[in-house]
Amino acid sequence: MMPAFTAPSFAPLSFAPLRSGLALAVASLLSVGCADSPVAPLTADAEAALQRQAGLKGQLLFASNRTGNSEIYVMNADGTQLTQLTYDPAGDHLPDWLGNSKAIVFESTRSGNFDVFTMNSDGTGLTQLTADPAFDGHPAASGNGKLIAFVSERDGQGEIYVMSADGTGLTNITNHPAPDQRPGWCGNSLIVFQSFRNGGNWEVYTMNADGSSVTRVTFDAGSDTQPACSPNGKQIAFQSNRDGDAEIYVMNVDGTGLTQLTFNTVFDGAPAWSPDGKQMAFESRRDVDLEIYIMNADGTGLTNVTRNAADDLSPDWY
């Protein structure tokens, strides 16, 4: 059996202020031709990246250790208007928009162990939803924001529970001897998750919101994890090491039509769809530390939107 979930660990890193690719590129353009600070003209690739980043819409939630411990931040999808939302010496992780841009659900150790919390989108109105001595985390909100799926070890191992957005109506919907983790919603009635129930490695499964009709949709010797359903409910993006390192793949919700989106020798994972389903945000170590990147849903148009010396991870897009 797989060991119990452990909290994300961040290596101490020196703080560096966020500078989006957009701001850097604009600064370079303004500097061209100045006698006291000559800058080479932008390359065609840099100009294309600037145009892509300037066209990004919506807001991204993510976690970062840029202040020394994991806190939750929000920014425009192009990397501008960065705002820190949590200020707590404990770790705050895995933020998810609660059905709209007005509330956020996340996991935190501020209660002494991992529990599920909600807050307003500006960081106010903090509410603790779970209060069990066992691990409660990996929260994910349904499309309409009325339900929250999360992982709890209160029954001795990782099971997936569903509760109302106010913390009431708690129900264990998996009840399986193997660990189940990382739930996500396909709309309001279907849940995608990763499970070790096949006995050999993590695979991706789907089930109804009441735990019925469990269906395995990946079959590979590698580990398939962190599934995320597209806004229209027709596709699942996920992380897999089936080619030797963590890459991002996409498939139809029934497991057909598998396509690899990233091809890199370092970690790429934790995909999150844009609201219109045309793009994805994800975390990557291609710049050594974890950064948030955005790409088109077909894997093209890669853009780094954080550019920070700390680890930036677990994006969610609204």
C-alpha atoms as a PDB file:
ATOM      1  CA  MET A   1       0.000   0.000   0.000  1.00  0.00           C
ATOM      2  CA  MET A   2       1.200   3.482  -0.738  1.00  0.00           C
ATOM      3  CA  PRO A   3       2.335   5.595   2.219  1.00  0.00           C
ATOM      4  CA  ALA A   4       0.032   8.331   3.524  1.00  0.00           C
ATOM      5  CA  PHE A   5       0.086  11.692   1.816  1.00  0.00           C
ATOM      6  CA  THR A   6       2.803  14.040   3.009  1.00  0.00           C
ATOM      7  CA  ALA A   7       2.736  17.805   2.827  1.00  0.00           C
ATOM      8  CA  PRO A   8       4.553  19.582  -0.011  1.00  0.00           C
ATOM      9  CA  SER A   9       8.078  20.446   1.070  1.00  0.00           C
ATOM     10  CA  PHE A  10       9.770  23.622  -0.085  1.00  0.00           C
ATOM     11  CA  ALA A  11      13.529  24.067  -0.050  1.00  0.00           C
ATOM     12  CA  PRO A  12      14.616  27.458   1.323  1.00  0.00           C
ATOM     13  CA  LEU A  13      15.060  29.834  -1.571  1.00  0.00           C
ATOM     14  CA  SER A  14      16.065  33.458  -1.732  1.00  0.00           C
ATOM     15  CA  PHE A  15      13.224  35.911  -2.346  1.00  0.00           C
ATOM     16  CA  ALA A  16      13.069  37.723  -5.647  1.00  0.00           C
ATOM     17  CA  PRO A  17      10.239  40.067  -6.639  1.00  0.00           C
ATOM     18  CA  LEU A  18       7.866  38.908  -9.337  1.00  0.00           C
ATOM     19  CA  ARG A  19       8.573  40.295 -12.767  1.00  0.00           C
ATOM     20  CA  SER A  20       6.232  39.015 -15.442  1.00  0.00           C
ATOM     21  CA  GLY A  21       7.480  38.213 -18.908  1.00  0.00           C
ATOM     22  CA  LEU A  22       5.233  40.974 -20.163  1.00  0.00           C
ATOM     23  CA  ALA A  23       6.883  43.585 -17.929  1.00  0.00           C
ATOM     24  CA  LEU A  24      10.377  42.416 -18.834  1.00  0.00           C
ATOM     25  CA  ALA A  25       9.639  42.486 -22.527  1.00  0.00           C
ATOM     26  CA  VAL A  26       8.095  45.953 -22.342  1.00  0.00           C
ATOM     27  CA  ALA A  27      11.105  47.223 -20.388  1.00  0.00           C
ATOM     28  CA  SER A  28      13.374  45.820 -23.075  1.00  0.00           C
ATOM     29  CA  LEU A  29      11.415  47.538 -25.802  1.00  0.00           C
ATOM     30  CA  LEU A  30      11.567  50.877 -24.008  1.00  0.00           C
ATOM     31  CA  SER A  31      15.322  50.540 -23.531  1.00  0.00           C
ATOM     32  CA  VAL A  32      16.144  49.957 -27.182  1.00  0.00           C
ATOM     33  CA  GLY A  33      18.008  52.911 -28.602  1.00  0.00           C
ATOM     34  CA  CYS A  34      18.990  54.448 -25.253  1.00  0.00           C
ATOM     35  CA  ALA A  35      22.679  55.312 -25.260  1.00  0.00           C
ATOM     36  CA  ASP A  36      23.207  54.577 -21.583  1.00  0.00           C
ATOM     37  CA  SER A  37      21.551  51.136 -21.543  1.00  0.00           C
ATOM     38  CA  PRO A  38      21.634  49.451 -24.967  1.00  0.00           C
ATOM     39  CA  VAL A  39      19.426  46.342 -25.242  1.00  0.00           C
ATOM     40  CA  ALA A  40      19.295  43.960 -28.184  1.00  0.00           C
ATOM     41  CA  PRO A  41      15.999  43.898 -30.106  1.00  0.00           C
ATOM     42  CA  LEU A  42      13.538  41.173 -29.182  1.00  0.00           C
ATOM     43  CA  THR A  43      13.823  37.944 -31.121  1.00  0.00           C
ATOM     44  CA  ALA A  44      10.865  36.650 -33.099  1.00  0.00           C
ATOM     45  CA  ASP A  45      10.227  34.022 -30.412  1.00  0.00           C
ATOM     46  CA  ALA A  46      10.306  36.668 -27.655  1.00  0.00           C
ATOM     47  CA  GLU A  47       7.899  38.896 -29.578  1.00  0.00           C
ATOM     48  CA  ALA A  48       5.528  35.944 -30.083  1.00  0.00           C
ATOM     49  CA  ALA A  49       5.696  35.110 -26.358  1.00  0.00           C
ATOM     50  CA  LEU A  50       4.941  38.743 -25.493  1.00  0.00           C
ATOM     51  CA  GLN A  51       1.884  38.767 -27.745  1.00  0.00           C
ATOM     52  CA  ARG A  52       0.633  35.477 -26.268  1.00  0.00           C
ATOM     53  CA  GLN A  53       1.072  36.688 -22.711  1.00  0.00           C
ATOM     54  CA  ALA A  54      -0.627  40.023 -23.377  1.00  0.00           C
ATOM     55  CA  GLY A  55      -3.672  38.153 -24.699  1.00  0.00           C
ATOM     56  CA  LEU A  56      -4.170  35.909 -21.668  1.00  0.00           C
ATOM     57  CA  LYS A  57      -7.471  36.448 -19.846  1.00  0.00           C
ATOM     58  CA  GLY A  58      -8.832  35.583 -16.407  1.00  0.00           C
ATOM     59  CA  GLN A  59      -7.161  35.058 -13.038  1.00  0.00           C
ATOM     60  CA  LEU A  60      -4.803  32.403 -11.715  1.00  0.00           C
ATOM     61  CA  LEU A  61      -4.649  31.146  -8.161  1.00  0.00           C
ATOM     62  CA  PHE A  62      -1.465  29.421  -7.067  1.00  0.00           C
ATOM     63  CA  ALA A  63       0.682  28.611  -4.047  1.00  0.00           C
ATOM     64  CA  SER A  64       4.221  29.937  -3.580  1.00  0.00           C
ATOM     65  CA  ASN A  65       6.976  29.856  -0.981  1.00  0.00           C
ATOM     66  CA  ARG A  66       8.422  33.199  -2.088  1.00  0.00           C
ATOM     67  CA  THR A  67       8.002  34.610   1.455  1.00  0.00           C
ATOM     68  CA  GLY A  68       9.581  31.578   3.135  1.00  0.00           C
ATOM     69  CA  ASN A  69       6.533  29.324   3.552  1.00  0.00           C
ATOM     70  CA  SER A  70       3.665  28.302   1.332  1.00  0.00           C
ATOM     71  CA  GLU A  71       1.054  31.052   0.869  1.00  0.00           C
ATOM     72  CA  ILE A  72      -1.750  31.547  -1.654  1.00  0.00           C
ATOM     73  CA  TYR A  73      -1.571  34.199  -4.352  1.00  0.00           C
ATOM     74  CA  VAL A  74      -3.744  35.446  -7.181  1.00  0.00           C
ATOM     75  CA  MET A  75      -2.723  37.244 -10.365  1.00  0.00           C
ATOM     76  CA  ASN A  76      -4.001  37.994 -13.810  1.00  0.00           C
ATOM     77  CA  ALA A  77      -3.354  35.149 -16.220  1.00  0.00           C
ATOM     78  CA  ASP A  78      -0.688  37.270 -17.946  1.00  0.00           C
ATOM     79  CA  GLY A  79       1.289  37.470 -14.680  1.00  0.00           C
ATOM     80  CA  THR A  80       0.338  41.038 -13.763  1.00  0.00           C
ATOM     81  CA  GLN A  81      -1.347  42.390 -10.598  1.00  0.00           C
ATOM     82  CA  LEU A  82       0.080  39.803  -8.219  1.00  0.00           C
ATOM     83  CA  THR A  83      -1.667  39.760  -4.824  1.00  0.00           C
ATOM     84  CA  GLN A  84      -0.801  37.702  -1.752  1.00  0.00           C
ATOM     85  CA  LEU A  85      -4.010  36.400  -0.146  1.00  0.00           C
ATOM     86  CA  THR A  86      -2.825  34.462   2.913  1.00  0.00           C
ATOM     87  CA  TYR A  87      -0.384  35.514   5.617  1.00  0.00           C
ATOM     88  CA  ASP A  88       0.055  32.663   8.054  1.00  0.00           C
ATOM     89  CA  PRO A  89       3.160  30.891   9.414  1.00  0.00           C
ATOM     90  CA  ALA A  90       1.484  27.576   8.602  1.00  0.00           C
ATOM     91  CA  GLY A  91       1.377  26.148   5.095  1.00  0.00           C
ATOM     92  CA  ASP A  92      -1.499  27.040   2.739  1.00  0.00           C
ATOM     93  CA  HIS A  93      -1.746  24.832  -0.355  1.00  0.00           C
ATOM     94  CA  LEU A  94      -3.812  23.714  -3.339  1.00  0.00           C
ATOM     95  CA  PRO A  95      -6.207  26.662  -3.882  1.00  0.00           C
ATOM     96  CA  ASP A  96      -9.303  26.145  -6.016  1.00  0.00           C
ATOM     97  CA  TRP A  97     -11.908  28.657  -7.151  1.00  0.00           C
ATOM     98  CA  LEU A  98     -15.181  27.891  -5.398  1.00  0.00           C
ATOM     99  CA  GLY A  99     -17.474  27.886  -8.407  1.00  0.00           C
ATOM    100  CA  ASN A 100     -16.787  31.549  -9.255  1.00  0.00           C
ATOM    101  CA  SER A 101     -14.201  34.250  -8.653  1.00  0.00           C
ATOM    102  CA  LYS A 102     -15.724  35.332  -5.313  1.00  0.00           C
ATOM    103  CA  ALA A 103     -14.510  32.512  -3.040  1.00  0.00           C
ATOM    104  CA  ILE A 104     -11.621  30.068  -2.727  1.00  0.00           C
ATOM    105  CA  VAL A 105     -11.230  26.665  -1.075  1.00  0.00           C
ATOM    106  CA  PHE A 106      -7.789  25.429  -0.001  1.00  0.00           C
ATOM    107  CA  GLU A 107      -5.934  23.156   2.419  1.00  0.00           C
ATOM    108  CA  SER A 108      -3.928  24.510   5.341  1.00  0.00           C
ATOM    109  CA  THR A 109      -2.000  23.360   8.405  1.00  0.00           C
ATOM    110  CA  ARG A 110      -2.973  26.467  10.428  1.00  0.00           C
ATOM    111  CA  SER A 111      -5.227  24.342  12.658  1.00  0.00           C
ATOM    112  CA  GLY A 112      -2.317  22.119  13.662  1.00  0.00           C
ATOM    113  CA  ASN A 113      -2.854  19.537  10.936  1.00  0.00           C
ATOM    114  CA  PHE A 114      -4.198  19.572   7.402  1.00  0.00           C
ATOM    115  CA  ASP A 115      -7.775  20.849   7.153  1.00  0.00           C
ATOM    116  CA  VAL A 116      -9.987  22.382   4.467  1.00  0.00           C
ATOM    117  CA  PHE A 117     -10.740  26.114   4.572  1.00  0.00           C
ATOM    118  CA  THR A 118     -12.564  28.660   2.457  1.00  0.00           C
ATOM    119  CA  MET A 119     -12.073  32.414   2.116  1.00  0.00           C
ATOM    120  CA  ASN A 120     -13.232  35.281  -0.026  1.00  0.00           C
ATOM    121  CA  SER A 121     -11.266  36.015  -3.171  1.00  0.00           C
ATOM    122  CA  ASP A 122      -9.539  38.945  -1.423  1.00  0.00           C
ATOM    123  CA  GLY A 123      -8.355  36.749   1.472  1.00  0.00           C
ATOM    124  CA  THR A 124     -11.011  37.847   3.975  1.00  0.00           C
ATOM    125  CA  GLY A 125     -13.777  35.743   5.510  1.00  0.00           C
ATOM    126  CA  LEU A 126     -11.643  32.737   6.493  1.00  0.00           C
ATOM    127  CA  THR A 127     -13.775  29.697   7.412  1.00  0.00           C
ATOM    128  CA  GLN A 128     -12.559  26.287   8.582  1.00  0.00           C
ATOM    129  CA  LEU A 129     -14.710  23.508   7.104  1.00  0.00           C
ATOM    130  CA  THR A 130     -13.082  20.377   8.529  1.00  0.00           C
ATOM    131  CA  ALA A 131     -11.739  19.785  12.021  1.00  0.00           C
ATOM    132  CA  ASP A 132     -10.618  16.176  12.201  1.00  0.00           C
ATOM    133  CA  PRO A 133      -7.248  15.128  13.668  1.00  0.00           C
ATOM    134  CA  ALA A 134      -6.575  13.125  10.505  1.00  0.00           C
ATOM    135  CA  PHE A 135      -5.419  14.614   7.206  1.00  0.00           C
ATOM    136  CA  ASP A 136      -8.104  16.530   5.265  1.00  0.00           C
ATOM    137  CA  GLY A 137      -6.917  18.119   2.030  1.00  0.00           C
ATOM    138  CA  HIS A 138      -6.855  18.118  -1.784  1.00  0.00           C
ATOM    139  CA  PRO A 139     -10.101  20.150  -1.982  1.00  0.00           C
ATOM    140  CA  ALA A 140     -11.889  20.673  -5.304  1.00  0.00           C
ATOM    141  CA  ALA A 141     -15.119  22.598  -5.884  1.00  0.00           C
ATOM    142  CA  SER A 142     -17.906  21.489  -8.202  1.00  0.00           C
ATOM    143  CA  GLY A 143     -18.645  23.645 -11.216  1.00  0.00           C
ATOM    144  CA  ASN A 144     -21.496  25.464  -9.492  1.00  0.00           C
ATOM    145  CA  GLY A 145     -19.554  25.817  -6.228  1.00  0.00           C
ATOM    146  CA  LYS A 146     -22.196  23.993  -4.159  1.00  0.00           C
ATOM    147  CA  LEU A 147     -20.109  20.903  -3.349  1.00  0.00           C
ATOM    148  CA  ILE A 148     -16.507  20.271  -2.333  1.00  0.00           C
ATOM    149  CA  ALA A 149     -14.721  16.979  -2.863  1.00  0.00           C
ATOM    150  CA  PHE A 150     -11.613  16.359  -0.761  1.00  0.00           C
ATOM    151  CA  VAL A 151      -9.335  13.634   0.564  1.00  0.00           C
ATOM    152  CA  SER A 152      -9.449  12.490   4.178  1.00  0.00           C
ATOM    153  CA  GLU A 153      -7.514   9.887   6.127  1.00  0.00           C
ATOM    154  CA  ARG A 154     -10.047   9.858   8.990  1.00  0.00           C
ATOM    155  CA  ASP A 155     -10.872   6.246   8.108  1.00  0.00           C
ATOM    156  CA  GLY A 156      -7.208   5.242   8.186  1.00  0.00           C
ATOM    157  CA  GLN A 157      -6.186   6.010   4.607  1.00  0.00           C
ATOM    158  CA  GLY A 158      -6.945   8.383   1.776  1.00  0.00           C
ATOM    159  CA  GLU A 159     -10.625   8.326   0.843  1.00  0.00           C
ATOM    160  CA  ILE A 160     -12.605  10.867  -1.167  1.00  0.00           C
ATOM    161  CA  TYR A 161     -15.371  12.691   0.643  1.00  0.00           C
ATOM    162  CA  VAL A 162     -17.963  15.164  -0.600  1.00  0.00           C
ATOM    163  CA  MET A 163     -19.548  17.911   1.497  1.00  0.00           C
ATOM    164  CA  SER A 164     -21.574  21.040   0.934  1.00  0.00           C
ATOM    165  CA  ALA A 165     -19.625  24.272   0.469  1.00  0.00           C
ATOM    166  CA  ASP A 166     -20.411  25.218   4.083  1.00  0.00           C
ATOM    167  CA  GLY A 167     -18.906  21.975   5.440  1.00  0.00           C
ATOM    168  CA  THR A 168     -22.168  20.143   6.129  1.00  0.00           C
ATOM    169  CA  GLY A 169     -23.405  16.871   4.655  1.00  0.00           C
ATOM    170  CA  LEU A 170     -20.063  15.031   4.821  1.00  0.00           C
ATOM    171  CA  THR A 171     -20.098  11.737   2.889  1.00  0.00           C
ATOM    172  CA  ASN A 172     -17.375   9.175   2.114  1.00  0.00           C
ATOM    173  CA  ILE A 173     -17.964   8.273  -1.525  1.00  0.00           C
ATOM    174  CA  THR A 174     -15.095   5.835  -2.190  1.00  0.00           C
ATOM    175  CA  ASN A 175     -14.847   3.389   0.769  1.00  0.00           C
ATOM    176  CA  HIS A 176     -12.039   1.415  -0.835  1.00  0.00           C
ATOM    177  CA  PRO A 177      -9.053  -0.286   0.842  1.00  0.00           C
ATOM    178  CA  ALA A 178      -6.611   1.411  -1.545  1.00  0.00           C
ATOM    179  CA  PRO A 179      -5.685   5.125  -1.389  1.00  0.00           C
ATOM    180  CA  ASP A 180      -7.760   7.561  -3.468  1.00  0.00           C
ATOM    181  CA  GLN A 181      -6.495  11.122  -3.986  1.00  0.00           C
ATOM    182  CA  ARG A 182      -6.665  14.357  -6.008  1.00  0.00           C
ATOM    183  CA  PRO A 183     -10.370  14.635  -6.863  1.00  0.00           C
ATOM    184  CA  GLY A 184     -11.530  17.057  -9.524  1.00  0.00           C
ATOM    185  CA  TRP A 185     -14.923  17.826 -11.003  1.00  0.00           C
ATOM    186  CA  CYS A 186     -16.280  17.416 -14.512  1.00  0.00           C
ATOM    187  CA  GLY A 187     -19.141  19.874 -14.106  1.00  0.00           C
ATOM    188  CA  ASN A 188     -21.393  19.087 -11.130  1.00  0.00           C
ATOM    189  CA  SER A 189     -22.054  15.361 -11.365  1.00  0.00           C
ATOM    190  CA  LEU A 190     -18.834  13.560 -12.382  1.00  0.00           C
ATOM    191  CA  ILE A 191     -15.607  13.350 -10.366  1.00  0.00           C
ATOM    192  CA  VAL A 192     -12.183  12.438 -11.719  1.00  0.00           C
ATOM    193  CA  PHE A 193      -9.509  11.179  -9.312  1.00  0.00           C
ATOM    194  CA  GLN A 194      -6.327   9.154  -8.952  1.00  0.00           C
ATOM    195  CA  SER A 195      -6.290   5.803  -7.193  1.00  0.00           C
ATOM    196  CA  PHE A 196      -3.866   3.040  -6.253  1.00  0.00           C
ATOM    197  CA  ARG A 197      -6.636   0.449  -6.315  1.00  0.00           C
ATOM    198  CA  ASN A 198      -5.160  -1.451  -9.276  1.00  0.00           C
ATOM    199  CA  GLY A 199      -2.365  -2.534  -6.901  1.00  0.00           C
ATOM    200  CA  GLY A 200       0.670  -1.395  -8.833  1.00  0.00           C
ATOM    201  CA  ASN A 201       0.640   2.341  -9.489  1.00  0.00           C
ATOM    202  CA  TRP A 202      -1.556   5.448  -9.625  1.00  0.00           C
ATOM    203  CA  GLU A 203      -4.200   5.426 -12.338  1.00  0.00           C
ATOM    204  CA  VAL A 204      -6.978   7.863 -13.286  1.00  0.00           C
ATOM    205  CA  TYR A 205     -10.609   6.989 -12.580  1.00  0.00           C
ATOM    206  CA  THR A 206     -13.985   8.669 -12.896  1.00  0.00           C
ATOM    207  CA  MET A 207     -17.127   8.230 -10.795  1.00  0.00           C
ATOM    208  CA  ASN A 208     -20.439   9.909 -10.205  1.00  0.00           C
ATOM    209  CA  ALA A 209     -20.649  12.479  -7.413  1.00  0.00           C
ATOM    210  CA  ASP A 210     -22.298   9.879  -5.172  1.00  0.00           C
ATOM    211  CA  GLY A 211     -19.421   7.415  -5.697  1.00  0.00           C
ATOM    212  CA  SER A 212     -21.260   5.147  -8.126  1.00  0.00           C
ATOM    213  CA  SER A 213     -20.099   3.970 -11.572  1.00  0.00           C
ATOM    214  CA  VAL A 214     -16.374   3.965 -10.835  1.00  0.00           C
ATOM    215  CA  THR A 215     -14.520   3.664 -14.145  1.00  0.00           C
ATOM    216  CA  ARG A 216     -10.786   3.269 -14.721  1.00  0.00           C
ATOM    217  CA  VAL A 217      -9.663   5.366 -17.715  1.00  0.00           C
ATOM    218  CA  THR A 218      -5.854   4.955 -17.774  1.00  0.00           C
ATOM    219  CA  PHE A 219      -3.967   1.677 -18.116  1.00  0.00           C
ATOM    220  CA  ASP A 220      -0.225   2.171 -18.015  1.00  0.00           C
ATOM    221  CA  ALA A 221       2.768   0.935 -16.013  1.00  0.00           C
ATOM    222  CA  GLY A 222       3.655   4.540 -15.214  1.00  0.00           C
ATOM    223  CA  SER A 223       1.924   6.700 -12.605  1.00  0.00           C
ATOM    224  CA  ASP A 224      -0.996   8.781 -13.902  1.00  0.00           C
ATOM    225  CA  THR A 225      -1.904  11.534 -11.437  1.00  0.00           C
ATOM    226  CA  GLN A 226      -3.433  14.989 -10.833  1.00  0.00           C
ATOM    227  CA  PRO A 227      -6.307  14.720 -13.333  1.00  0.00           C
ATOM    228  CA  ALA A 228      -8.211  17.849 -14.351  1.00  0.00           C
ATOM    229  CA  CYS A 229     -11.413  17.883 -16.386  1.00  0.00           C
ATOM    230  CA  SER A 230     -11.980  20.378 -19.197  1.00  0.00           C
ATOM    231  CA  PRO A 231     -14.745  22.979 -18.709  1.00  0.00           C
ATOM    232  CA  ASN A 232     -17.021  21.179 -21.191  1.00  0.00           C
ATOM    233  CA  GLY A 233     -16.481  17.862 -19.381  1.00  0.00           C
ATOM    234  CA  LYS A 234     -15.249  16.082 -22.489  1.00  0.00           C
ATOM    235  CA  GLN A 235     -11.504  15.814 -21.795  1.00  0.00           C
ATOM    236  CA  ILE A 236      -9.138  15.065 -18.916  1.00  0.00           C
ATOM    237  CA  ALA A 237      -5.643  16.509 -18.650  1.00  0.00           C
ATOM    238  CA  PHE A 238      -3.289  14.699 -16.293  1.00  0.00           C
ATOM    239  CA  GLN A 239       0.318  14.217 -15.260  1.00  0.00           C
ATOM    240  CA  SER A 240       2.152  10.994 -16.106  1.00  0.00           C
ATOM    241  CA  ASN A 241       5.685   9.617 -15.955  1.00  0.00           C
ATOM    242  CA  ARG A 242       4.998   6.981 -18.596  1.00  0.00           C
ATOM    243  CA  ASP A 243       7.786   8.346 -20.817  1.00  0.00           C
ATOM    244  CA  GLY A 244      10.329   8.385 -17.976  1.00  0.00           C
ATOM    245  CA  ASP A 245       9.630  11.782 -16.412  1.00  0.00           C
ATOM    246  CA  ALA A 246       6.532  13.777 -15.482  1.00  0.00           C
ATOM    247  CA  GLU A 247       4.748  15.140 -18.559  1.00  0.00           C
ATOM    248  CA  ILE A 248       1.244  16.428 -19.267  1.00  0.00           C
ATOM    249  CA  TYR A 249      -1.203  14.413 -21.340  1.00  0.00           C
ATOM    250  CA  VAL A 250      -4.791  14.883 -22.426  1.00  0.00           C
ATOM    251  CA  MET A 251      -7.437  12.309 -23.308  1.00  0.00           C
ATOM    252  CA  ASN A 252     -11.170  12.021 -23.758  1.00  0.00           C
ATOM    253  CA  VAL A 253     -13.127  11.528 -20.544  1.00  0.00           C
ATOM    254  CA  ASP A 254     -13.540   7.824 -21.412  1.00  0.00           C
ATOM    255  CA  GLY A 255      -9.768   7.349 -21.774  1.00  0.00           C
ATOM    256  CA  THR A 256      -9.603   7.347 -25.568  1.00  0.00           C
ATOM    257  CA  GLY A 257      -7.680   9.799 -27.757  1.00  0.00           C
ATOM    258  CA  LEU A 258      -4.549  10.012 -25.602  1.00  0.00           C
ATOM    259  CA  THR A 259      -2.192  12.864 -26.603  1.00  0.00           C
ATOM    260  CA  GLN A 260       1.095  13.929 -25.005  1.00  0.00           C
ATOM    261  CA  LEU A 261       1.295  17.741 -24.681  1.00  0.00           C
ATOM    262  CA  THR A 262       4.712  18.393 -23.096  1.00  0.00           C
ATOM    263  CA  PHE A 263       8.052  16.905 -24.106  1.00  0.00           C
ATOM    264  CA  ASN A 264      10.673  17.886 -21.586  1.00  0.00           C
ATOM    265  CA  THR A 265      13.416  16.213 -19.546  1.00  0.00           C
ATOM    266  CA  VAL A 266      12.246  17.825 -16.293  1.00  0.00           C
ATOM    267  CA  PHE A 267       9.009  17.867 -14.318  1.00  0.00           C
ATOM    268  CA  ASP A 268       5.795  19.178 -15.938  1.00  0.00           C
ATOM    269  CA  GLY A 269       2.591  18.623 -13.975  1.00  0.00           C
ATOM    270  CA  ALA A 270      -0.546  19.805 -12.193  1.00  0.00           C
ATOM    271  CA  PRO A 271      -2.513  20.944 -15.280  1.00  0.00           C
ATOM    272  CA  ALA A 272      -5.419  23.394 -14.917  1.00  0.00           C
ATOM    273  CA  TRP A 273      -7.732  24.393 -17.771  1.00  0.00           C
ATOM    274  CA  SER A 274      -8.602  27.946 -18.750  1.00  0.00           C
ATOM    275  CA  PRO A 275     -12.318  28.800 -18.393  1.00  0.00           C
ATOM    276  CA  ASP A 276     -12.858  28.508 -22.159  1.00  0.00           C
ATOM    277  CA  GLY A 277     -10.906  25.253 -22.429  1.00  0.00           C
ATOM    278  CA  LYS A 278      -8.506  26.657 -25.014  1.00  0.00           C
ATOM    279  CA  GLN A 279      -5.436  26.789 -22.772  1.00  0.00           C
ATOM    280  CA  MET A 280      -3.882  25.169 -19.721  1.00  0.00           C
ATOM    281  CA  ALA A 281      -1.779  26.409 -16.835  1.00  0.00           C
ATOM    282  CA  PHE A 282       0.689  23.996 -15.259  1.00  0.00           C
ATOM    283  CA  GLU A 283       3.773  23.855 -13.054  1.00  0.00           C
ATOM    284  CA  SER A 284       7.208  23.058 -14.442  1.00  0.00           C
ATOM    285  CA  ARG A 285      10.822  22.756 -13.336  1.00  0.00           C
ATOM    286  CA  ARG A 286      12.270  23.660 -16.729  1.00  0.00           C
ATOM    287  CA  ASP A 287      13.685  26.808 -15.043  1.00  0.00           C
ATOM    288  CA  VAL A 288      15.028  24.693 -12.112  1.00  0.00           C
ATOM    289  CA  ASP A 289      12.527  26.046  -9.562  1.00  0.00           C
ATOM    290  CA  LEU A 290       8.813  25.435 -10.058  1.00  0.00           C
ATOM    291  CA  GLU A 291       7.176  28.065 -12.271  1.00  0.00           C
ATOM    292  CA  ILE A 292       3.651  28.495 -13.619  1.00  0.00           C
ATOM    293  CA  TYR A 293       3.460  28.148 -17.385  1.00  0.00           C
ATOM    294  CA  ILE A 294       0.576  28.527 -19.789  1.00  0.00           C
ATOM    295  CA  MET A 295       0.185  26.701 -23.102  1.00  0.00           C
ATOM    296  CA  ASN A 296      -2.516  26.176 -25.672  1.00  0.00           C
ATOM    297  CA  ALA A 297      -4.638  23.064 -25.185  1.00  0.00           C
ATOM    298  CA  ASP A 298      -2.671  21.374 -27.973  1.00  0.00           C
ATOM    299  CA  GLY A 299       0.684  21.995 -26.237  1.00  0.00           C
ATOM    300  CA  THR A 300       1.810  24.963 -28.340  1.00  0.00           C
ATOM    301  CA  GLY A 301       2.382  28.571 -27.287  1.00  0.00           C
ATOM    302  CA  LEU A 302       4.350  27.958 -24.084  1.00  0.00           C
ATOM    303  CA  THR A 303       4.644  31.015 -21.787  1.00  0.00           C
ATOM    304  CA  ASN A 304       6.178  31.408 -18.297  1.00  0.00           C
ATOM    305  CA  VAL A 305       3.915  33.746 -16.289  1.00  0.00           C
ATOM    306  CA  THR A 306       5.617  33.766 -12.868  1.00  0.00           C
ATOM    307  CA  ARG A 307       9.407  34.087 -13.345  1.00  0.00           C
ATOM    308  CA  ASN A 308      10.338  33.942  -9.686  1.00  0.00           C
ATOM    309  CA  ALA A 309      13.279  32.397  -7.836  1.00  0.00           C
ATOM    310  CA  ALA A 310      10.899  30.606  -5.439  1.00  0.00           C
ATOM    311  CA  ASP A 311       8.582  27.686  -6.152  1.00  0.00           C
ATOM    312  CA  ASP A 312       5.218  28.626  -7.727  1.00  0.00           C
ATOM    313  CA  LEU A 313       2.806  25.730  -8.062  1.00  0.00           C
ATOM    314  CA  SER A 314      -0.740  24.307  -8.025  1.00  0.00           C
ATOM    315  CA  PRO A 315      -2.430  26.737 -10.456  1.00  0.00           C
ATOM    316  CA  ASP A 316      -6.190  27.089 -10.835  1.00  0.00           C
ATOM    317  CA  TRP A 317      -7.719  29.330 -13.511  1.00  0.00           C
ATOM    318  CA  TYR A 318     -10.946  31.302 -13.555  1.00  0.00           C
END
